[in-house]
N, C-alpha and C. Protein backbone atom coordinates (compact mmCIF):
# COMPACT_ATOMS: atom_id res chain seq x y z
N UNK A 1 79.49 81.64 99.66
CA UNK A 1 80.55 80.64 99.75
C UNK A 1 80.63 80.11 101.19
N UNK A 2 80.71 78.82 101.35
CA UNK A 2 80.83 78.20 102.66
C UNK A 2 82.30 78.12 103.08
N UNK A 3 82.50 77.81 104.38
CA UNK A 3 83.86 77.77 104.90
C UNK A 3 84.72 76.75 104.16
N UNK A 4 84.19 75.57 103.92
CA UNK A 4 84.96 74.53 103.24
C UNK A 4 85.38 74.97 101.84
N UNK A 5 84.50 75.72 101.18
CA UNK A 5 84.81 76.20 99.83
C UNK A 5 85.91 77.25 99.86
N UNK A 6 85.89 78.14 100.88
CA UNK A 6 86.94 79.15 101.01
C UNK A 6 88.27 78.48 101.32
N UNK A 7 88.27 77.51 102.21
CA UNK A 7 89.50 76.80 102.54
C UNK A 7 90.04 76.10 101.30
N UNK A 8 89.16 75.48 100.54
CA UNK A 8 89.59 74.79 99.32
C UNK A 8 90.24 75.77 98.34
N UNK A 9 89.65 76.96 98.19
CA UNK A 9 90.20 77.97 97.29
C UNK A 9 91.56 78.45 97.77
N UNK A 10 91.67 78.71 99.08
CA UNK A 10 92.93 79.17 99.63
C UNK A 10 94.02 78.11 99.49
N UNK A 11 93.66 76.86 99.72
CA UNK A 11 94.63 75.77 99.57
C UNK A 11 95.14 75.74 98.13
N UNK A 12 94.22 75.89 97.16
CA UNK A 12 94.61 75.88 95.75
C UNK A 12 95.56 77.03 95.43
N UNK A 13 95.26 78.22 95.94
CA UNK A 13 96.10 79.38 95.67
C UNK A 13 97.44 79.30 96.39
N UNK A 14 97.46 78.67 97.55
CA UNK A 14 98.71 78.50 98.28
C UNK A 14 99.58 77.45 97.58
N UNK A 15 98.98 76.34 97.21
CA UNK A 15 99.75 75.28 96.56
C UNK A 15 100.26 75.67 95.18
N UNK A 16 99.55 76.60 94.53
CA UNK A 16 99.99 77.07 93.20
C UNK A 16 101.02 78.18 93.30
N UNK A 17 101.28 78.67 94.53
CA UNK A 17 102.27 79.73 94.72
C UNK A 17 101.72 81.13 94.66
N UNK A 18 100.41 81.29 94.44
CA UNK A 18 99.83 82.63 94.39
C UNK A 18 99.85 83.29 95.76
N UNK A 19 99.71 82.48 96.81
CA UNK A 19 99.77 82.99 98.19
C UNK A 19 100.90 82.26 98.91
N UNK A 20 101.88 83.02 99.38
CA UNK A 20 102.97 82.44 100.16
C UNK A 20 102.88 82.81 101.63
N UNK A 21 102.38 84.03 101.89
CA UNK A 21 102.18 84.48 103.27
C UNK A 21 100.74 84.96 103.42
N UNK A 22 100.01 84.31 104.32
CA UNK A 22 98.60 84.63 104.55
C UNK A 22 98.42 85.13 105.97
N UNK A 23 97.73 86.26 106.12
CA UNK A 23 97.41 86.79 107.44
C UNK A 23 95.96 86.53 107.79
N UNK A 24 95.72 86.02 108.98
CA UNK A 24 94.36 85.74 109.46
C UNK A 24 94.18 86.47 110.79
N UNK A 25 93.19 87.37 110.86
CA UNK A 25 93.04 88.16 112.08
C UNK A 25 91.57 88.45 112.39
N UNK A 26 91.36 89.17 113.48
CA UNK A 26 90.03 89.50 113.95
C UNK A 26 90.07 89.70 115.46
N UNK A 27 89.00 90.24 116.02
CA UNK A 27 88.98 90.45 117.47
C UNK A 27 88.94 89.11 118.20
N UNK A 28 89.06 89.15 119.52
CA UNK A 28 89.07 87.92 120.30
C UNK A 28 87.81 87.10 120.11
N UNK A 29 87.98 85.79 120.01
CA UNK A 29 86.87 84.84 119.90
C UNK A 29 86.01 85.04 118.66
N UNK A 30 86.62 85.55 117.60
CA UNK A 30 85.88 85.77 116.36
C UNK A 30 85.88 84.56 115.43
N UNK A 31 86.72 83.56 115.76
CA UNK A 31 86.77 82.35 114.94
C UNK A 31 88.03 82.21 114.10
N UNK A 32 88.95 83.15 114.25
CA UNK A 32 90.16 83.15 113.40
C UNK A 32 91.07 81.97 113.67
N UNK A 33 91.24 81.61 114.94
CA UNK A 33 92.15 80.51 115.28
C UNK A 33 91.63 79.18 114.76
N UNK A 34 90.34 78.96 114.90
CA UNK A 34 89.73 77.72 114.40
C UNK A 34 89.90 77.61 112.89
N UNK A 35 89.65 78.72 112.19
CA UNK A 35 89.80 78.72 110.74
C UNK A 35 91.25 78.47 110.35
N UNK A 36 92.18 79.11 111.04
CA UNK A 36 93.60 78.95 110.73
C UNK A 36 94.04 77.50 110.92
N UNK A 37 93.55 76.86 111.97
CA UNK A 37 93.90 75.47 112.22
C UNK A 37 93.32 74.55 111.13
N UNK A 38 92.11 74.82 110.72
CA UNK A 38 91.48 74.00 109.68
C UNK A 38 92.22 74.16 108.35
N UNK A 39 92.65 75.38 108.04
CA UNK A 39 93.41 75.61 106.82
C UNK A 39 94.77 74.92 106.91
N UNK A 40 95.42 75.07 108.06
CA UNK A 40 96.73 74.45 108.27
C UNK A 40 96.64 72.93 108.10
N UNK A 41 95.59 72.32 108.65
CA UNK A 41 95.42 70.87 108.55
C UNK A 41 95.18 70.42 107.11
N UNK A 42 94.67 71.32 106.28
CA UNK A 42 94.39 70.98 104.88
C UNK A 42 95.62 71.12 104.00
N UNK A 43 96.71 71.62 104.56
CA UNK A 43 97.95 71.82 103.80
C UNK A 43 99.01 70.79 104.21
N UNK A 44 100.07 70.72 103.44
CA UNK A 44 101.18 69.82 103.73
C UNK A 44 102.02 70.41 104.86
N UNK A 45 102.04 69.76 106.02
CA UNK A 45 102.75 70.27 107.18
C UNK A 45 104.24 70.43 106.94
N UNK A 46 104.77 69.74 105.94
CA UNK A 46 106.19 69.84 105.63
C UNK A 46 106.53 71.13 104.88
N UNK A 47 105.49 71.84 104.45
CA UNK A 47 105.72 73.03 103.64
C UNK A 47 105.18 74.32 104.27
N UNK A 48 104.49 74.21 105.40
CA UNK A 48 103.81 75.40 105.94
C UNK A 48 104.13 75.62 107.41
N UNK A 49 104.37 76.87 107.77
CA UNK A 49 104.50 77.31 109.16
C UNK A 49 103.23 78.03 109.59
N UNK A 50 102.81 77.80 110.83
CA UNK A 50 101.70 78.55 111.41
C UNK A 50 102.27 79.35 112.58
N UNK A 51 102.34 80.66 112.41
CA UNK A 51 102.86 81.56 113.45
C UNK A 51 101.67 82.21 114.15
N UNK A 52 101.48 81.88 115.42
CA UNK A 52 100.39 82.45 116.20
C UNK A 52 100.90 83.69 116.93
N UNK A 53 100.13 84.77 116.88
CA UNK A 53 100.64 86.05 117.37
C UNK A 53 100.27 86.36 118.81
N UNK A 54 99.48 85.52 119.47
CA UNK A 54 99.11 85.80 120.86
C UNK A 54 100.31 86.08 121.76
N UNK A 55 101.45 85.37 121.60
CA UNK A 55 102.59 85.65 122.48
C UNK A 55 103.17 87.05 122.30
N UNK A 56 102.83 87.72 121.22
CA UNK A 56 103.34 89.07 120.98
C UNK A 56 102.43 90.14 121.59
N UNK A 57 101.38 89.72 122.28
CA UNK A 57 100.55 90.65 123.05
C UNK A 57 101.21 90.78 124.41
N UNK A 58 101.70 91.95 124.74
CA UNK A 58 102.53 92.12 125.93
C UNK A 58 101.77 91.83 127.22
N UNK A 59 102.39 91.06 128.08
CA UNK A 59 101.78 90.71 129.36
C UNK A 59 101.75 91.90 130.31
N UNK A 60 102.50 92.95 129.99
CA UNK A 60 102.54 94.12 130.85
C UNK A 60 101.55 95.20 130.48
N UNK A 61 100.58 94.88 129.62
CA UNK A 61 99.69 95.93 129.14
C UNK A 61 98.77 96.47 130.24
N UNK A 62 98.66 95.74 131.38
CA UNK A 62 97.86 96.25 132.48
C UNK A 62 98.51 97.48 133.13
N UNK A 63 99.78 97.73 132.80
CA UNK A 63 100.48 98.88 133.35
C UNK A 63 100.22 100.15 132.55
N UNK A 64 99.55 99.99 131.40
CA UNK A 64 99.27 101.13 130.51
C UNK A 64 97.76 101.34 130.46
N UNK A 65 97.34 102.60 130.35
CA UNK A 65 95.91 102.88 130.22
C UNK A 65 95.68 103.74 128.99
N UNK A 66 94.54 103.57 128.32
CA UNK A 66 94.23 104.44 127.17
C UNK A 66 94.10 105.89 127.62
N UNK A 67 94.69 106.79 126.88
CA UNK A 67 94.70 108.21 127.24
C UNK A 67 93.29 108.77 127.39
N UNK A 68 92.38 108.37 126.48
CA UNK A 68 91.04 108.94 126.48
C UNK A 68 90.15 108.33 127.58
N UNK A 69 90.49 107.12 128.02
CA UNK A 69 89.66 106.43 129.03
C UNK A 69 90.56 105.84 130.11
N UNK A 70 91.13 106.69 130.97
CA UNK A 70 92.14 106.26 131.94
C UNK A 70 91.64 105.28 132.99
N UNK A 71 90.33 105.09 133.10
CA UNK A 71 89.81 104.16 134.09
C UNK A 71 89.72 102.74 133.56
N UNK A 72 90.15 102.53 132.33
CA UNK A 72 90.07 101.20 131.72
C UNK A 72 91.44 100.61 131.48
N UNK A 73 91.54 99.29 131.58
CA UNK A 73 92.77 98.59 131.23
C UNK A 73 92.90 98.54 129.72
N UNK A 74 94.09 98.35 129.24
CA UNK A 74 94.33 98.20 127.82
C UNK A 74 94.04 96.76 127.42
N UNK A 75 93.18 96.57 126.45
CA UNK A 75 92.93 95.24 125.92
C UNK A 75 93.74 95.06 124.63
N UNK A 76 93.66 93.86 124.07
CA UNK A 76 94.42 93.56 122.85
C UNK A 76 93.85 94.28 121.63
N UNK A 77 92.80 95.06 121.79
CA UNK A 77 92.24 95.83 120.68
C UNK A 77 93.04 97.10 120.40
N UNK A 78 94.02 97.41 121.25
CA UNK A 78 94.84 98.60 121.05
C UNK A 78 96.23 98.21 120.52
N UNK A 79 96.75 98.96 119.56
CA UNK A 79 98.08 98.65 119.02
C UNK A 79 99.17 98.62 120.09
N UNK A 80 99.05 99.46 121.12
CA UNK A 80 100.08 99.56 122.15
C UNK A 80 100.24 98.25 122.92
N UNK A 81 99.26 97.38 122.84
CA UNK A 81 99.32 96.10 123.56
C UNK A 81 100.14 95.05 122.82
N UNK A 82 100.61 95.37 121.63
CA UNK A 82 101.28 94.37 120.78
C UNK A 82 102.75 94.71 120.54
N UNK A 83 103.60 93.70 120.58
CA UNK A 83 105.02 93.85 120.25
C UNK A 83 105.17 93.72 118.73
N UNK A 84 104.71 94.72 118.02
CA UNK A 84 104.63 94.63 116.56
C UNK A 84 106.00 94.60 115.89
N UNK A 85 106.98 95.31 116.44
CA UNK A 85 108.31 95.31 115.84
C UNK A 85 108.93 93.91 115.89
N UNK A 86 108.76 93.24 117.02
CA UNK A 86 109.31 91.88 117.17
C UNK A 86 108.59 90.90 116.25
N UNK A 87 107.28 91.05 116.15
CA UNK A 87 106.50 90.16 115.28
C UNK A 87 106.89 90.37 113.82
N UNK A 88 107.00 91.61 113.40
CA UNK A 88 107.38 91.90 112.01
C UNK A 88 108.78 91.35 111.72
N UNK A 89 109.69 91.49 112.68
CA UNK A 89 111.03 90.94 112.53
C UNK A 89 110.98 89.43 112.28
N UNK A 90 110.16 88.72 113.05
CA UNK A 90 110.09 87.25 112.93
C UNK A 90 109.43 86.82 111.63
N UNK A 91 108.43 87.58 111.17
CA UNK A 91 107.81 87.28 109.89
C UNK A 91 108.82 87.45 108.75
N UNK A 92 109.54 88.55 108.79
CA UNK A 92 110.54 88.81 107.75
C UNK A 92 111.66 87.76 107.79
N UNK A 93 112.01 87.30 108.99
CA UNK A 93 113.05 86.28 109.12
C UNK A 93 112.59 84.98 108.46
N UNK A 94 111.37 84.57 108.73
CA UNK A 94 110.84 83.35 108.12
C UNK A 94 110.75 83.49 106.60
N UNK A 95 110.32 84.66 106.14
CA UNK A 95 110.23 84.89 104.70
C UNK A 95 111.60 84.86 104.04
N UNK A 96 112.63 85.21 104.81
CA UNK A 96 113.98 85.23 104.28
C UNK A 96 114.68 83.88 104.41
N UNK A 97 113.96 82.88 104.95
CA UNK A 97 114.52 81.54 105.05
C UNK A 97 115.21 81.22 106.35
N UNK A 98 115.02 82.06 107.38
CA UNK A 98 115.65 81.81 108.68
C UNK A 98 114.66 81.14 109.63
N UNK A 99 115.18 80.30 110.52
CA UNK A 99 114.34 79.66 111.52
C UNK A 99 113.98 80.65 112.62
N UNK A 100 112.82 80.42 113.25
CA UNK A 100 112.37 81.29 114.34
C UNK A 100 111.88 80.40 115.50
N UNK A 101 112.33 80.72 116.70
CA UNK A 101 111.86 80.04 117.91
C UNK A 101 110.66 80.80 118.44
N UNK A 102 109.51 80.16 118.49
CA UNK A 102 108.30 80.85 118.95
C UNK A 102 108.36 81.10 120.45
N UNK A 103 107.53 82.03 120.89
CA UNK A 103 107.49 82.41 122.31
C UNK A 103 106.56 81.46 123.06
N UNK A 104 107.05 80.96 124.18
CA UNK A 104 106.26 80.02 124.99
C UNK A 104 105.04 80.71 125.60
N UNK A 105 103.94 79.98 125.66
CA UNK A 105 102.72 80.45 126.31
C UNK A 105 102.35 79.46 127.42
N UNK A 106 101.53 79.89 128.38
CA UNK A 106 101.13 78.96 129.45
C UNK A 106 100.43 77.72 128.91
N UNK A 107 99.76 77.86 127.76
CA UNK A 107 99.01 76.73 127.20
C UNK A 107 99.70 76.10 125.99
N UNK A 108 100.92 76.59 125.64
CA UNK A 108 101.62 76.03 124.49
C UNK A 108 103.12 76.25 124.60
N UNK A 109 103.89 75.17 124.44
CA UNK A 109 105.35 75.27 124.52
C UNK A 109 105.90 75.94 123.27
N UNK A 110 107.11 76.49 123.39
CA UNK A 110 107.76 77.10 122.23
C UNK A 110 108.21 76.01 121.26
N UNK A 111 108.36 76.39 120.01
CA UNK A 111 108.81 75.46 118.99
C UNK A 111 109.59 76.21 117.93
N UNK A 112 110.35 75.47 117.15
CA UNK A 112 111.12 76.08 116.07
C UNK A 112 110.33 76.02 114.78
N UNK A 113 110.10 77.18 114.16
CA UNK A 113 109.49 77.23 112.84
C UNK A 113 110.63 77.28 111.82
N UNK A 114 110.55 76.43 110.83
CA UNK A 114 111.63 76.29 109.86
C UNK A 114 111.51 77.30 108.72
N UNK A 115 112.58 78.03 108.51
CA UNK A 115 112.61 78.98 107.41
C UNK A 115 112.66 78.31 106.05
N UNK A 116 112.91 77.00 106.04
CA UNK A 116 112.95 76.25 104.77
C UNK A 116 111.56 76.01 104.21
N UNK A 117 110.53 76.18 105.05
CA UNK A 117 109.16 75.97 104.58
C UNK A 117 108.71 77.20 103.79
N UNK A 118 108.18 77.02 102.60
CA UNK A 118 107.87 78.16 101.72
C UNK A 118 106.57 78.89 102.05
N UNK A 119 105.71 78.29 102.88
CA UNK A 119 104.38 78.87 103.15
C UNK A 119 104.32 79.33 104.60
N UNK A 120 103.75 80.51 104.82
CA UNK A 120 103.61 81.05 106.17
C UNK A 120 102.18 81.54 106.39
N UNK A 121 101.54 81.01 107.42
CA UNK A 121 100.25 81.52 107.88
C UNK A 121 100.48 82.23 109.20
N UNK A 122 100.11 83.50 109.27
CA UNK A 122 100.25 84.29 110.50
C UNK A 122 98.85 84.54 111.03
N UNK A 123 98.60 84.09 112.26
CA UNK A 123 97.23 84.16 112.80
C UNK A 123 97.20 84.88 114.13
N UNK A 124 96.27 85.83 114.28
CA UNK A 124 96.08 86.50 115.55
C UNK A 124 95.70 87.96 115.39
N UNK A 125 95.32 88.58 116.50
CA UNK A 125 94.87 89.96 116.48
C UNK A 125 95.94 90.92 115.97
N UNK A 126 97.20 90.61 116.27
CA UNK A 126 98.29 91.51 115.90
C UNK A 126 98.36 91.76 114.40
N UNK A 127 97.92 90.80 113.60
CA UNK A 127 97.97 90.95 112.14
C UNK A 127 97.24 92.20 111.69
N UNK A 128 96.17 92.55 112.39
CA UNK A 128 95.38 93.72 112.02
C UNK A 128 96.16 95.02 112.09
N UNK A 129 97.23 95.06 112.89
CA UNK A 129 98.01 96.28 113.06
C UNK A 129 99.31 96.28 112.26
N UNK A 130 99.58 95.21 111.53
CA UNK A 130 100.81 95.11 110.75
C UNK A 130 100.62 95.69 109.36
N UNK A 131 101.71 96.11 108.70
CA UNK A 131 101.61 96.57 107.31
C UNK A 131 101.09 95.45 106.43
N UNK A 132 100.09 95.72 105.63
CA UNK A 132 99.50 94.68 104.79
C UNK A 132 100.46 94.22 103.69
N UNK A 133 101.53 94.99 103.45
CA UNK A 133 102.52 94.60 102.45
C UNK A 133 103.26 93.32 102.85
N UNK A 134 103.18 92.95 104.13
CA UNK A 134 103.84 91.73 104.59
C UNK A 134 103.13 90.47 104.07
N UNK A 135 101.88 90.63 103.63
CA UNK A 135 101.05 89.48 103.29
C UNK A 135 100.62 89.51 101.82
N UNK A 136 100.46 88.33 101.27
CA UNK A 136 99.90 88.24 99.92
C UNK A 136 98.39 88.40 99.97
N UNK A 137 97.78 87.90 101.03
CA UNK A 137 96.34 88.04 101.25
C UNK A 137 96.07 88.05 102.75
N UNK A 138 94.96 88.69 103.14
CA UNK A 138 94.54 88.68 104.54
C UNK A 138 93.06 88.31 104.64
N UNK A 139 92.74 87.57 105.70
CA UNK A 139 91.36 87.16 105.98
C UNK A 139 91.02 87.64 107.39
N UNK A 140 89.91 88.35 107.53
CA UNK A 140 89.52 88.92 108.83
C UNK A 140 88.16 88.39 109.26
N UNK A 141 88.01 88.14 110.56
CA UNK A 141 86.76 87.64 111.14
C UNK A 141 86.23 88.62 112.18
N UNK A 142 84.90 88.65 112.33
CA UNK A 142 84.30 89.38 113.45
C UNK A 142 82.96 88.73 113.81
N UNK A 143 82.49 89.03 115.03
CA UNK A 143 81.19 88.51 115.47
C UNK A 143 80.44 89.60 116.23
N UNK A 144 79.21 89.31 116.58
CA UNK A 144 78.44 90.20 117.45
C UNK A 144 78.87 90.00 118.90
N UNK A 145 78.39 90.86 119.79
CA UNK A 145 78.78 90.82 121.20
C UNK A 145 78.44 89.50 121.86
N UNK A 146 77.21 89.02 121.63
CA UNK A 146 76.75 87.82 122.32
C UNK A 146 77.57 86.60 121.93
N UNK A 147 77.88 86.48 120.65
CA UNK A 147 78.67 85.34 120.19
C UNK A 147 80.07 85.38 120.78
N UNK A 148 80.67 86.59 120.81
CA UNK A 148 82.00 86.71 121.38
C UNK A 148 82.01 86.30 122.85
N UNK A 149 81.04 86.78 123.63
CA UNK A 149 80.99 86.45 125.05
C UNK A 149 80.81 84.95 125.26
N UNK A 150 79.92 84.36 124.50
CA UNK A 150 79.68 82.91 124.62
C UNK A 150 80.96 82.12 124.34
N UNK A 151 81.68 82.52 123.30
CA UNK A 151 82.92 81.81 122.95
C UNK A 151 84.01 82.06 123.98
N UNK A 152 84.10 83.30 124.48
CA UNK A 152 85.11 83.61 125.50
C UNK A 152 84.88 82.79 126.76
N UNK A 153 83.64 82.68 127.17
CA UNK A 153 83.34 81.91 128.37
C UNK A 153 83.74 80.45 128.20
N UNK A 154 83.52 79.92 126.99
CA UNK A 154 83.87 78.53 126.73
C UNK A 154 85.37 78.31 126.66
N UNK A 155 86.08 79.26 126.05
CA UNK A 155 87.53 79.11 125.85
C UNK A 155 88.35 79.59 127.05
N UNK A 156 88.08 80.82 127.51
CA UNK A 156 88.94 81.42 128.51
C UNK A 156 88.85 80.74 129.88
N UNK A 157 87.69 80.16 130.19
CA UNK A 157 87.55 79.50 131.49
C UNK A 157 88.14 78.09 131.48
N UNK A 158 88.41 77.55 130.32
CA UNK A 158 88.98 76.20 130.24
C UNK A 158 90.45 76.26 129.83
N UNK A 159 90.71 76.73 128.60
CA UNK A 159 92.08 76.77 128.09
C UNK A 159 92.94 77.78 128.85
N UNK A 160 92.39 78.97 129.10
CA UNK A 160 93.20 80.05 129.69
C UNK A 160 92.97 80.23 131.19
N UNK A 161 92.13 79.42 131.77
CA UNK A 161 91.92 79.36 133.22
C UNK A 161 91.47 80.70 133.83
N UNK A 162 90.72 81.48 133.06
CA UNK A 162 90.18 82.73 133.59
C UNK A 162 88.88 82.46 134.34
N UNK A 163 88.55 83.33 135.27
CA UNK A 163 87.29 83.22 136.00
C UNK A 163 86.16 83.75 135.13
N UNK A 164 85.02 83.05 135.15
CA UNK A 164 83.88 83.47 134.35
C UNK A 164 83.43 84.88 134.72
N UNK A 165 83.52 85.22 136.00
CA UNK A 165 83.14 86.56 136.46
C UNK A 165 84.02 87.62 135.79
N UNK A 166 85.31 87.35 135.70
CA UNK A 166 86.24 88.28 135.07
C UNK A 166 85.92 88.45 133.59
N UNK A 167 85.63 87.35 132.91
CA UNK A 167 85.31 87.41 131.48
C UNK A 167 84.08 88.28 131.25
N UNK A 168 83.05 88.10 132.08
CA UNK A 168 81.82 88.89 131.93
C UNK A 168 82.06 90.36 132.27
N UNK A 169 82.82 90.63 133.33
CA UNK A 169 83.05 92.00 133.77
C UNK A 169 83.84 92.81 132.75
N UNK A 170 84.75 92.17 132.04
CA UNK A 170 85.59 92.89 131.08
C UNK A 170 85.03 92.89 129.66
N UNK A 171 83.92 92.21 129.46
CA UNK A 171 83.40 92.05 128.11
C UNK A 171 83.05 93.39 127.45
N UNK A 172 82.35 94.24 128.17
CA UNK A 172 81.94 95.52 127.59
C UNK A 172 83.14 96.42 127.34
N UNK A 173 84.16 96.33 128.19
CA UNK A 173 85.39 97.10 127.95
C UNK A 173 86.03 96.64 126.65
N UNK A 174 86.10 95.32 126.45
CA UNK A 174 86.69 94.78 125.23
C UNK A 174 85.91 95.23 124.00
N UNK A 175 84.58 95.13 124.06
CA UNK A 175 83.78 95.51 122.89
C UNK A 175 83.89 97.01 122.60
N UNK A 176 83.94 97.82 123.65
CA UNK A 176 84.07 99.25 123.46
C UNK A 176 85.39 99.61 122.80
N UNK A 177 86.47 98.97 123.25
CA UNK A 177 87.78 99.24 122.65
C UNK A 177 87.87 98.62 121.26
N UNK A 178 87.19 97.51 121.04
CA UNK A 178 87.14 96.93 119.70
C UNK A 178 86.53 97.92 118.72
N UNK A 179 85.39 98.50 119.10
CA UNK A 179 84.71 99.44 118.20
C UNK A 179 85.56 100.69 117.97
N UNK A 180 86.27 101.11 118.99
CA UNK A 180 87.02 102.36 118.88
C UNK A 180 88.37 102.22 118.18
N UNK A 181 89.03 101.08 118.40
CA UNK A 181 90.41 100.95 117.92
C UNK A 181 90.65 99.83 116.90
N UNK A 182 89.87 98.77 116.97
CA UNK A 182 90.20 97.59 116.15
C UNK A 182 89.29 97.41 114.95
N UNK A 183 88.05 97.81 115.06
CA UNK A 183 87.08 97.56 113.99
C UNK A 183 87.51 98.14 112.66
N UNK A 184 88.22 99.26 112.71
CA UNK A 184 88.65 99.92 111.48
C UNK A 184 89.65 99.08 110.69
N UNK A 185 90.33 98.15 111.34
CA UNK A 185 91.29 97.30 110.62
C UNK A 185 90.59 96.31 109.70
N UNK A 186 89.31 96.07 109.93
CA UNK A 186 88.59 95.07 109.14
C UNK A 186 88.46 95.48 107.67
N UNK A 187 88.34 96.76 107.43
CA UNK A 187 88.13 97.22 106.06
C UNK A 187 89.35 97.01 105.18
N UNK A 188 90.51 96.77 105.79
CA UNK A 188 91.74 96.57 105.03
C UNK A 188 91.92 95.11 104.58
N UNK A 189 91.10 94.21 105.09
CA UNK A 189 91.24 92.79 104.77
C UNK A 189 90.80 92.50 103.34
N UNK A 190 91.41 91.49 102.74
CA UNK A 190 90.98 91.05 101.41
C UNK A 190 89.68 90.26 101.49
N UNK A 191 89.54 89.49 102.58
CA UNK A 191 88.31 88.73 102.82
C UNK A 191 87.81 89.08 104.22
N UNK A 192 86.54 89.47 104.33
CA UNK A 192 85.93 89.79 105.63
C UNK A 192 84.78 88.82 105.88
N UNK A 193 84.84 88.16 107.05
CA UNK A 193 83.86 87.13 107.36
C UNK A 193 83.13 87.46 108.66
N UNK A 194 81.82 87.45 108.60
CA UNK A 194 80.96 87.68 109.76
C UNK A 194 80.56 86.32 110.33
N UNK A 195 80.96 86.07 111.58
CA UNK A 195 80.60 84.79 112.22
C UNK A 195 79.63 85.00 113.39
N UNK A 196 78.86 86.08 113.33
CA UNK A 196 77.84 86.32 114.35
C UNK A 196 76.85 85.17 114.37
N UNK A 197 76.44 84.81 115.60
CA UNK A 197 75.48 83.71 115.80
C UNK A 197 75.96 82.42 115.14
N UNK A 198 77.30 82.28 115.13
CA UNK A 198 77.96 81.07 114.62
C UNK A 198 77.65 80.78 113.15
N UNK A 199 77.33 81.82 112.39
CA UNK A 199 77.16 81.65 110.95
C UNK A 199 78.52 81.85 110.28
N UNK A 200 78.56 81.72 108.97
CA UNK A 200 79.80 81.98 108.22
C UNK A 200 79.39 82.74 106.97
N UNK A 201 79.46 84.06 107.07
CA UNK A 201 78.99 84.91 105.98
C UNK A 201 80.13 85.78 105.47
N UNK A 202 80.51 85.59 104.21
CA UNK A 202 81.57 86.39 103.61
C UNK A 202 80.97 87.71 103.14
N UNK A 203 81.43 88.80 103.75
CA UNK A 203 80.89 90.13 103.42
C UNK A 203 81.79 90.90 102.45
N UNK A 204 83.01 90.44 102.30
CA UNK A 204 83.94 91.07 101.35
C UNK A 204 84.86 89.99 100.81
N UNK A 205 85.13 90.04 99.51
CA UNK A 205 85.98 89.02 98.90
C UNK A 205 86.80 89.67 97.79
N UNK A 206 87.89 89.05 97.45
CA UNK A 206 88.74 89.59 96.39
C UNK A 206 88.47 88.86 95.07
């Protein structure tokens, strides 16, 4: 199945009411944000909220170190780096029909998500650490090391204003923590997509 076909199927299931809350997750630069935006654009904006979870990754995580590897900084591949209680609260609020003010980011202003909208797409790494009962379906992405680094260099040095040297120096730390702490979340997804070498290969489907 190609990406367009999966999006078409998800749109059909969302519009028919089979899926009301969809979780999209994966490690950094795996392609989840691009997919979420394409799905969002294919839906009626008057009926759907897109909640991005990057703001729930705590900016103070550099103050914490993994117990087993104290010489490394905590990356977003560890649950401790995420404000999961706050994120779960906001998801439940939207599902209950309440409005939510999103958290401002350096590259995106805050906005009000309307609880009157019946459809919710939650996108970001944090989804992997949330109870799957919050979602009707989940879609997870991953890539190989080289693809992730290539995408990080393209995104982080432009959108997030990181230095290319920093991105390269921390890459192996990120991949190591991904394998140790985050990779196991992939098996819980309803749909698992491999985007290594910029392909789109569905390895698990419901």
